[in-house]
Amino acid sequence: MKMLIAPRKKKVAAKPRLDNSKTEALLKARLFLNAEVTQQQAQSVWFAVKPELRIEAAIELFRSEEVTLERAAEIAGLNRWLFQEILIKRKIKTVLEVDPVDELKKATAAIRRLAK
């Protein structure tokens, strides 16, 4: 009796699927207005439980130039100086934008006039 041996097929790892059934159940129960609101609530909880995620999100938004330094610090829940210190430690360059000299001179002159 002959036995044929077939080569084993390689198992292909399935892509992970998001399980939306729980989100859909919450929406059907009318606990959230829509999926976007559900996602916003989930993010709020993530950031509350793991505040370091806020910092990482803020750094990425700043690095991709989607937000200013001040806005990124706000997202991170830090003041500008602490956030900038984190960027320096991670060797992420920051560019300080300043008003042109003539605008600063005009503002100084206006303050002096008001002070008289």
N, C-alpha and C. Protein backbone atom coordinates (compact mmCIF):
# COMPACT_ATOMS: atom_id res chain seq x y z
N MET A 1 0.84 -1.17 0.00
CA MET A 1 0.00 0.00 0.00
C MET A 1 0.89 1.23 0.00
N LYS A 2 0.67 2.06 -0.97
CA LYS A 2 1.44 3.29 -1.08
C LYS A 2 0.75 4.41 -0.33
N MET A 3 1.58 5.22 0.34
CA MET A 3 1.04 6.40 1.04
C MET A 3 1.60 7.63 0.35
N LEU A 4 0.72 8.50 0.03
CA LEU A 4 1.15 9.77 -0.55
C LEU A 4 1.25 10.80 0.57
N ILE A 5 2.35 11.48 0.62
CA ILE A 5 2.53 12.50 1.64
C ILE A 5 2.52 13.85 0.94
N ALA A 6 1.57 14.63 1.31
CA ALA A 6 1.46 15.97 0.71
C ALA A 6 2.19 16.96 1.60
N PRO A 7 2.87 17.92 0.98
CA PRO A 7 3.55 18.92 1.80
C PRO A 7 2.54 19.74 2.59
N ARG A 8 2.93 20.09 3.80
CA ARG A 8 2.04 20.90 4.63
C ARG A 8 1.94 22.29 4.05
N LYS A 9 0.75 22.81 4.12
CA LYS A 9 0.54 24.19 3.67
C LYS A 9 0.99 25.13 4.77
N LYS A 10 1.63 26.20 4.34
CA LYS A 10 2.06 27.19 5.31
C LYS A 10 0.83 27.91 5.86
N LYS A 11 0.84 28.09 7.16
CA LYS A 11 -0.25 28.84 7.77
C LYS A 11 0.03 30.32 7.58
N VAL A 12 -0.95 30.99 7.08
CA VAL A 12 -0.83 32.42 6.90
C VAL A 12 -1.51 33.10 8.08
N ALA A 13 -0.76 33.95 8.72
CA ALA A 13 -1.33 34.65 9.88
C ALA A 13 -2.43 35.59 9.42
N ALA A 14 -3.55 35.45 10.02
CA ALA A 14 -4.68 36.32 9.67
C ALA A 14 -4.44 37.70 10.25
N LYS A 15 -4.86 38.69 9.49
CA LYS A 15 -4.76 40.06 9.99
C LYS A 15 -5.74 40.22 11.15
N PRO A 16 -5.27 40.88 12.20
CA PRO A 16 -6.20 41.07 13.33
C PRO A 16 -7.38 41.95 12.91
N ARG A 17 -8.55 41.52 13.29
CA ARG A 17 -9.75 42.28 12.98
C ARG A 17 -10.22 43.01 14.21
N LEU A 18 -10.74 44.18 13.99
CA LEU A 18 -11.33 44.90 15.11
C LEU A 18 -12.69 44.28 15.42
N ASP A 19 -12.93 44.05 16.67
CA ASP A 19 -14.21 43.51 17.08
C ASP A 19 -15.13 44.69 17.38
N ASN A 20 -15.97 45.01 16.43
CA ASN A 20 -16.87 46.15 16.58
C ASN A 20 -18.19 45.77 17.24
N SER A 21 -18.34 44.50 17.61
CA SER A 21 -19.63 44.07 18.15
C SER A 21 -19.99 44.79 19.45
N LYS A 22 -18.98 45.05 20.28
CA LYS A 22 -19.26 45.74 21.55
C LYS A 22 -19.63 47.19 21.31
N THR A 23 -18.92 47.81 20.38
CA THR A 23 -19.26 49.20 20.03
C THR A 23 -20.66 49.27 19.45
N GLU A 24 -20.97 48.34 18.57
CA GLU A 24 -22.31 48.31 17.97
C GLU A 24 -23.38 48.09 19.03
N ALA A 25 -23.09 47.26 20.00
CA ALA A 25 -24.06 47.01 21.10
C ALA A 25 -24.30 48.29 21.89
N LEU A 26 -23.23 49.05 22.16
CA LEU A 26 -23.38 50.32 22.88
C LEU A 26 -24.20 51.32 22.08
N LEU A 27 -23.99 51.31 20.77
CA LEU A 27 -24.75 52.23 19.91
C LEU A 27 -26.23 51.81 19.85
N LYS A 28 -26.48 50.50 19.76
CA LYS A 28 -27.86 50.02 19.74
C LYS A 28 -28.59 50.34 21.04
N ALA A 29 -27.83 50.30 22.13
CA ALA A 29 -28.42 50.62 23.44
C ALA A 29 -28.57 52.12 23.63
N ARG A 30 -28.16 52.88 22.63
CA ARG A 30 -28.25 54.35 22.63
C ARG A 30 -27.48 54.98 23.79
N LEU A 31 -26.34 54.36 24.12
CA LEU A 31 -25.49 54.92 25.16
C LEU A 31 -24.54 55.97 24.61
N PHE A 32 -24.32 55.91 23.30
CA PHE A 32 -23.49 56.90 22.61
C PHE A 32 -24.21 57.35 21.35
N LEU A 33 -23.93 58.58 20.96
CA LEU A 33 -24.59 59.16 19.79
C LEU A 33 -24.17 58.46 18.51
N ASN A 34 -22.86 58.22 18.37
CA ASN A 34 -22.36 57.55 17.17
C ASN A 34 -20.99 56.94 17.48
N ALA A 35 -20.41 56.27 16.49
CA ALA A 35 -19.13 55.59 16.69
C ALA A 35 -18.01 56.58 17.01
N GLU A 36 -18.06 57.77 16.43
CA GLU A 36 -17.03 58.77 16.68
C GLU A 36 -17.03 59.20 18.15
N VAL A 37 -18.20 59.41 18.71
CA VAL A 37 -18.31 59.78 20.13
C VAL A 37 -17.80 58.64 21.00
N THR A 38 -18.10 57.41 20.62
CA THR A 38 -17.62 56.24 21.35
C THR A 38 -16.10 56.23 21.36
N GLN A 39 -15.50 56.49 20.20
CA GLN A 39 -14.04 56.51 20.09
C GLN A 39 -13.44 57.64 20.93
N GLN A 40 -14.07 58.80 20.93
CA GLN A 40 -13.58 59.92 21.74
C GLN A 40 -13.60 59.57 23.22
N GLN A 41 -14.66 58.92 23.66
CA GLN A 41 -14.76 58.51 25.06
C GLN A 41 -13.66 57.50 25.41
N ALA A 42 -13.43 56.57 24.50
CA ALA A 42 -12.38 55.56 24.74
C ALA A 42 -11.02 56.23 24.85
N GLN A 43 -10.74 57.18 23.98
CA GLN A 43 -9.45 57.89 24.04
C GLN A 43 -9.31 58.65 25.35
N SER A 44 -10.38 59.27 25.79
CA SER A 44 -10.34 60.00 27.07
C SER A 44 -9.96 59.07 28.22
N VAL A 45 -10.51 57.87 28.20
CA VAL A 45 -10.20 56.90 29.24
C VAL A 45 -8.74 56.45 29.13
N TRP A 46 -8.28 56.19 27.90
CA TRP A 46 -6.87 55.79 27.72
C TRP A 46 -5.94 56.85 28.30
N PHE A 47 -6.21 58.11 27.96
CA PHE A 47 -5.35 59.19 28.41
C PHE A 47 -5.42 59.38 29.92
N ALA A 48 -6.56 59.09 30.51
CA ALA A 48 -6.69 59.21 31.97
C ALA A 48 -5.93 58.09 32.67
N VAL A 49 -6.01 56.89 32.12
CA VAL A 49 -5.37 55.73 32.72
C VAL A 49 -3.86 55.73 32.46
N LYS A 50 -3.47 56.15 31.27
CA LYS A 50 -2.06 56.17 30.89
C LYS A 50 -1.69 57.56 30.37
N PRO A 51 -1.39 58.49 31.26
CA PRO A 51 -1.10 59.86 30.84
C PRO A 51 0.09 59.96 29.90
N GLU A 52 0.99 58.98 29.93
CA GLU A 52 2.13 59.02 29.01
C GLU A 52 1.69 58.95 27.55
N LEU A 53 0.50 58.40 27.31
CA LEU A 53 -0.03 58.37 25.94
C LEU A 53 -0.31 59.77 25.42
N ARG A 54 -0.76 60.66 26.31
CA ARG A 54 -1.00 62.06 25.93
C ARG A 54 0.29 62.70 25.43
N ILE A 55 1.38 62.42 26.16
CA ILE A 55 2.67 63.00 25.80
C ILE A 55 3.12 62.46 24.45
N GLU A 56 2.99 61.15 24.27
CA GLU A 56 3.41 60.55 22.99
C GLU A 56 2.59 61.08 21.82
N ALA A 57 1.29 61.23 22.02
CA ALA A 57 0.43 61.77 20.97
C ALA A 57 0.82 63.21 20.66
N ALA A 58 1.07 63.98 21.70
CA ALA A 58 1.45 65.39 21.52
C ALA A 58 2.77 65.50 20.77
N ILE A 59 3.74 64.66 21.12
CA ILE A 59 5.04 64.69 20.44
C ILE A 59 4.86 64.38 18.96
N GLU A 60 4.08 63.37 18.67
CA GLU A 60 3.89 62.99 17.26
C GLU A 60 3.18 64.09 16.48
N LEU A 61 2.17 64.71 17.09
CA LEU A 61 1.47 65.81 16.41
C LEU A 61 2.40 67.00 16.18
N PHE A 62 3.26 67.27 17.15
CA PHE A 62 4.23 68.36 17.00
C PHE A 62 5.26 68.01 15.93
N ARG A 63 5.78 66.79 15.99
CA ARG A 63 6.80 66.35 15.03
C ARG A 63 6.29 66.41 13.59
N SER A 64 5.02 66.08 13.41
CA SER A 64 4.44 66.09 12.06
C SER A 64 3.93 67.48 11.67
N GLU A 65 4.19 68.46 12.54
CA GLU A 65 3.83 69.86 12.31
C GLU A 65 2.33 70.08 12.17
N GLU A 66 1.55 69.22 12.83
CA GLU A 66 0.10 69.39 12.83
C GLU A 66 -0.35 70.38 13.89
N VAL A 67 0.48 70.57 14.93
CA VAL A 67 0.16 71.52 15.99
C VAL A 67 1.41 72.31 16.36
N THR A 68 1.19 73.45 16.99
CA THR A 68 2.30 74.28 17.47
C THR A 68 2.87 73.69 18.75
N LEU A 69 3.99 74.23 19.17
CA LEU A 69 4.61 73.80 20.42
C LEU A 69 3.66 74.03 21.59
N GLU A 70 3.02 75.19 21.60
CA GLU A 70 2.10 75.51 22.70
C GLU A 70 0.92 74.55 22.74
N ARG A 71 0.36 74.26 21.56
CA ARG A 71 -0.79 73.35 21.49
C ARG A 71 -0.38 71.93 21.88
N ALA A 72 0.80 71.50 21.44
CA ALA A 72 1.27 70.17 21.79
C ALA A 72 1.46 70.04 23.30
N ALA A 73 2.01 71.09 23.92
CA ALA A 73 2.17 71.07 25.38
C ALA A 73 0.82 70.96 26.06
N GLU A 74 -0.16 71.67 25.54
CA GLU A 74 -1.52 71.62 26.09
C GLU A 74 -2.09 70.21 25.99
N ILE A 75 -1.92 69.58 24.83
CA ILE A 75 -2.40 68.21 24.62
C ILE A 75 -1.72 67.26 25.60
N ALA A 76 -0.42 67.47 25.82
CA ALA A 76 0.34 66.62 26.73
C ALA A 76 -0.04 66.85 28.19
N GLY A 77 -0.74 67.96 28.46
CA GLY A 77 -1.11 68.28 29.83
C GLY A 77 0.05 68.89 30.61
N LEU A 78 0.99 69.50 29.88
CA LEU A 78 2.16 70.11 30.49
C LEU A 78 2.26 71.57 30.10
N ASN A 79 3.09 72.32 30.84
CA ASN A 79 3.34 73.67 30.37
C ASN A 79 4.38 73.62 29.26
N ARG A 80 4.50 74.71 28.55
CA ARG A 80 5.37 74.76 27.38
C ARG A 80 6.81 74.38 27.72
N TRP A 81 7.30 74.85 28.86
CA TRP A 81 8.70 74.63 29.22
C TRP A 81 8.98 73.17 29.54
N LEU A 82 8.09 72.51 30.25
CA LEU A 82 8.28 71.08 30.55
C LEU A 82 8.20 70.24 29.28
N PHE A 83 7.25 70.60 28.42
CA PHE A 83 7.12 69.85 27.17
C PHE A 83 8.36 70.04 26.31
N GLN A 84 8.86 71.26 26.25
CA GLN A 84 10.05 71.53 25.45
C GLN A 84 11.27 70.77 26.02
N GLU A 85 11.33 70.64 27.32
CA GLU A 85 12.41 69.87 27.95
C GLU A 85 12.38 68.41 27.51
N ILE A 86 11.17 67.85 27.40
CA ILE A 86 11.03 66.47 26.92
C ILE A 86 11.52 66.36 25.48
N LEU A 87 11.16 67.35 24.67
CA LEU A 87 11.60 67.33 23.27
C LEU A 87 13.12 67.41 23.19
N ILE A 88 13.74 68.23 24.01
CA ILE A 88 15.19 68.36 24.02
C ILE A 88 15.84 67.04 24.42
N LYS A 89 15.31 66.39 25.45
CA LYS A 89 15.86 65.10 25.89
C LYS A 89 15.76 64.05 24.80
N ARG A 90 14.72 64.15 23.98
CA ARG A 90 14.54 63.18 22.89
C ARG A 90 15.19 63.64 21.59
N LYS A 91 15.91 64.76 21.67
CA LYS A 91 16.62 65.33 20.52
C LYS A 91 15.70 65.67 19.37
N ILE A 92 14.54 66.20 19.71
CA ILE A 92 13.58 66.67 18.71
C ILE A 92 13.74 68.18 18.63
N LYS A 93 14.07 68.66 17.44
CA LYS A 93 14.35 70.09 17.27
C LYS A 93 13.08 70.91 17.38
N THR A 94 13.23 72.06 18.01
CA THR A 94 12.13 73.02 18.08
C THR A 94 12.64 74.33 17.50
N VAL A 95 11.79 74.99 16.77
CA VAL A 95 12.13 76.28 16.19
C VAL A 95 11.25 77.32 16.88
N LEU A 96 11.88 78.31 17.45
CA LEU A 96 11.12 79.37 18.10
C LEU A 96 10.78 80.43 17.08
N GLU A 97 9.52 80.74 16.98
CA GLU A 97 9.09 81.80 16.08
C GLU A 97 8.95 83.08 16.89
N VAL A 98 9.54 84.13 16.37
CA VAL A 98 9.47 85.42 17.06
C VAL A 98 8.96 86.47 16.10
N ASP A 99 8.42 87.53 16.68
CA ASP A 99 7.95 88.65 15.86
C ASP A 99 9.15 89.39 15.28
N PRO A 100 8.98 89.98 14.11
CA PRO A 100 10.06 90.77 13.54
C PRO A 100 10.43 91.94 14.47
N VAL A 101 11.66 92.39 14.38
CA VAL A 101 12.18 93.44 15.26
C VAL A 101 11.33 94.70 15.18
N ASP A 102 10.91 95.10 13.98
CA ASP A 102 10.13 96.34 13.85
C ASP A 102 8.79 96.25 14.59
N GLU A 103 8.19 95.07 14.60
CA GLU A 103 6.94 94.90 15.34
C GLU A 103 7.17 95.00 16.85
N LEU A 104 8.29 94.44 17.31
CA LEU A 104 8.62 94.53 18.73
C LEU A 104 8.90 95.98 19.13
N LYS A 105 9.57 96.73 18.25
CA LYS A 105 9.86 98.14 18.54
C LYS A 105 8.56 98.95 18.61
N LYS A 106 7.61 98.67 17.72
CA LYS A 106 6.32 99.36 17.74
C LYS A 106 5.57 99.05 19.04
N ALA A 107 5.59 97.79 19.43
CA ALA A 107 4.91 97.40 20.67
C ALA A 107 5.55 98.06 21.88
N THR A 108 6.87 98.14 21.90
CA THR A 108 7.58 98.79 23.01
C THR A 108 7.24 100.26 23.08
N ALA A 109 7.20 100.91 21.89
CA ALA A 109 6.86 102.34 21.85
C ALA A 109 5.43 102.57 22.34
N ALA A 110 4.52 101.69 21.97
CA ALA A 110 3.12 101.82 22.40
C ALA A 110 3.02 101.67 23.91
N ILE A 111 3.75 100.75 24.48
CA ILE A 111 3.74 100.55 25.94
C ILE A 111 4.29 101.77 26.64
N ARG A 112 5.37 102.34 26.09
CA ARG A 112 5.96 103.54 26.70
C ARG A 112 4.99 104.71 26.65
N ARG A 113 4.26 104.86 25.54
CA ARG A 113 3.26 105.95 25.42
C ARG A 113 2.17 105.78 26.47
N LEU A 114 1.72 104.56 26.65
CA LEU A 114 0.66 104.29 27.63
C LEU A 114 1.15 104.49 29.07
N ALA A 115 2.43 104.28 29.30
CA ALA A 115 2.98 104.40 30.64
C ALA A 115 3.12 105.86 31.07
N LYS A 116 3.14 106.78 30.11
CA LYS A 116 3.30 108.21 30.45
C LYS A 116 2.05 108.80 31.01
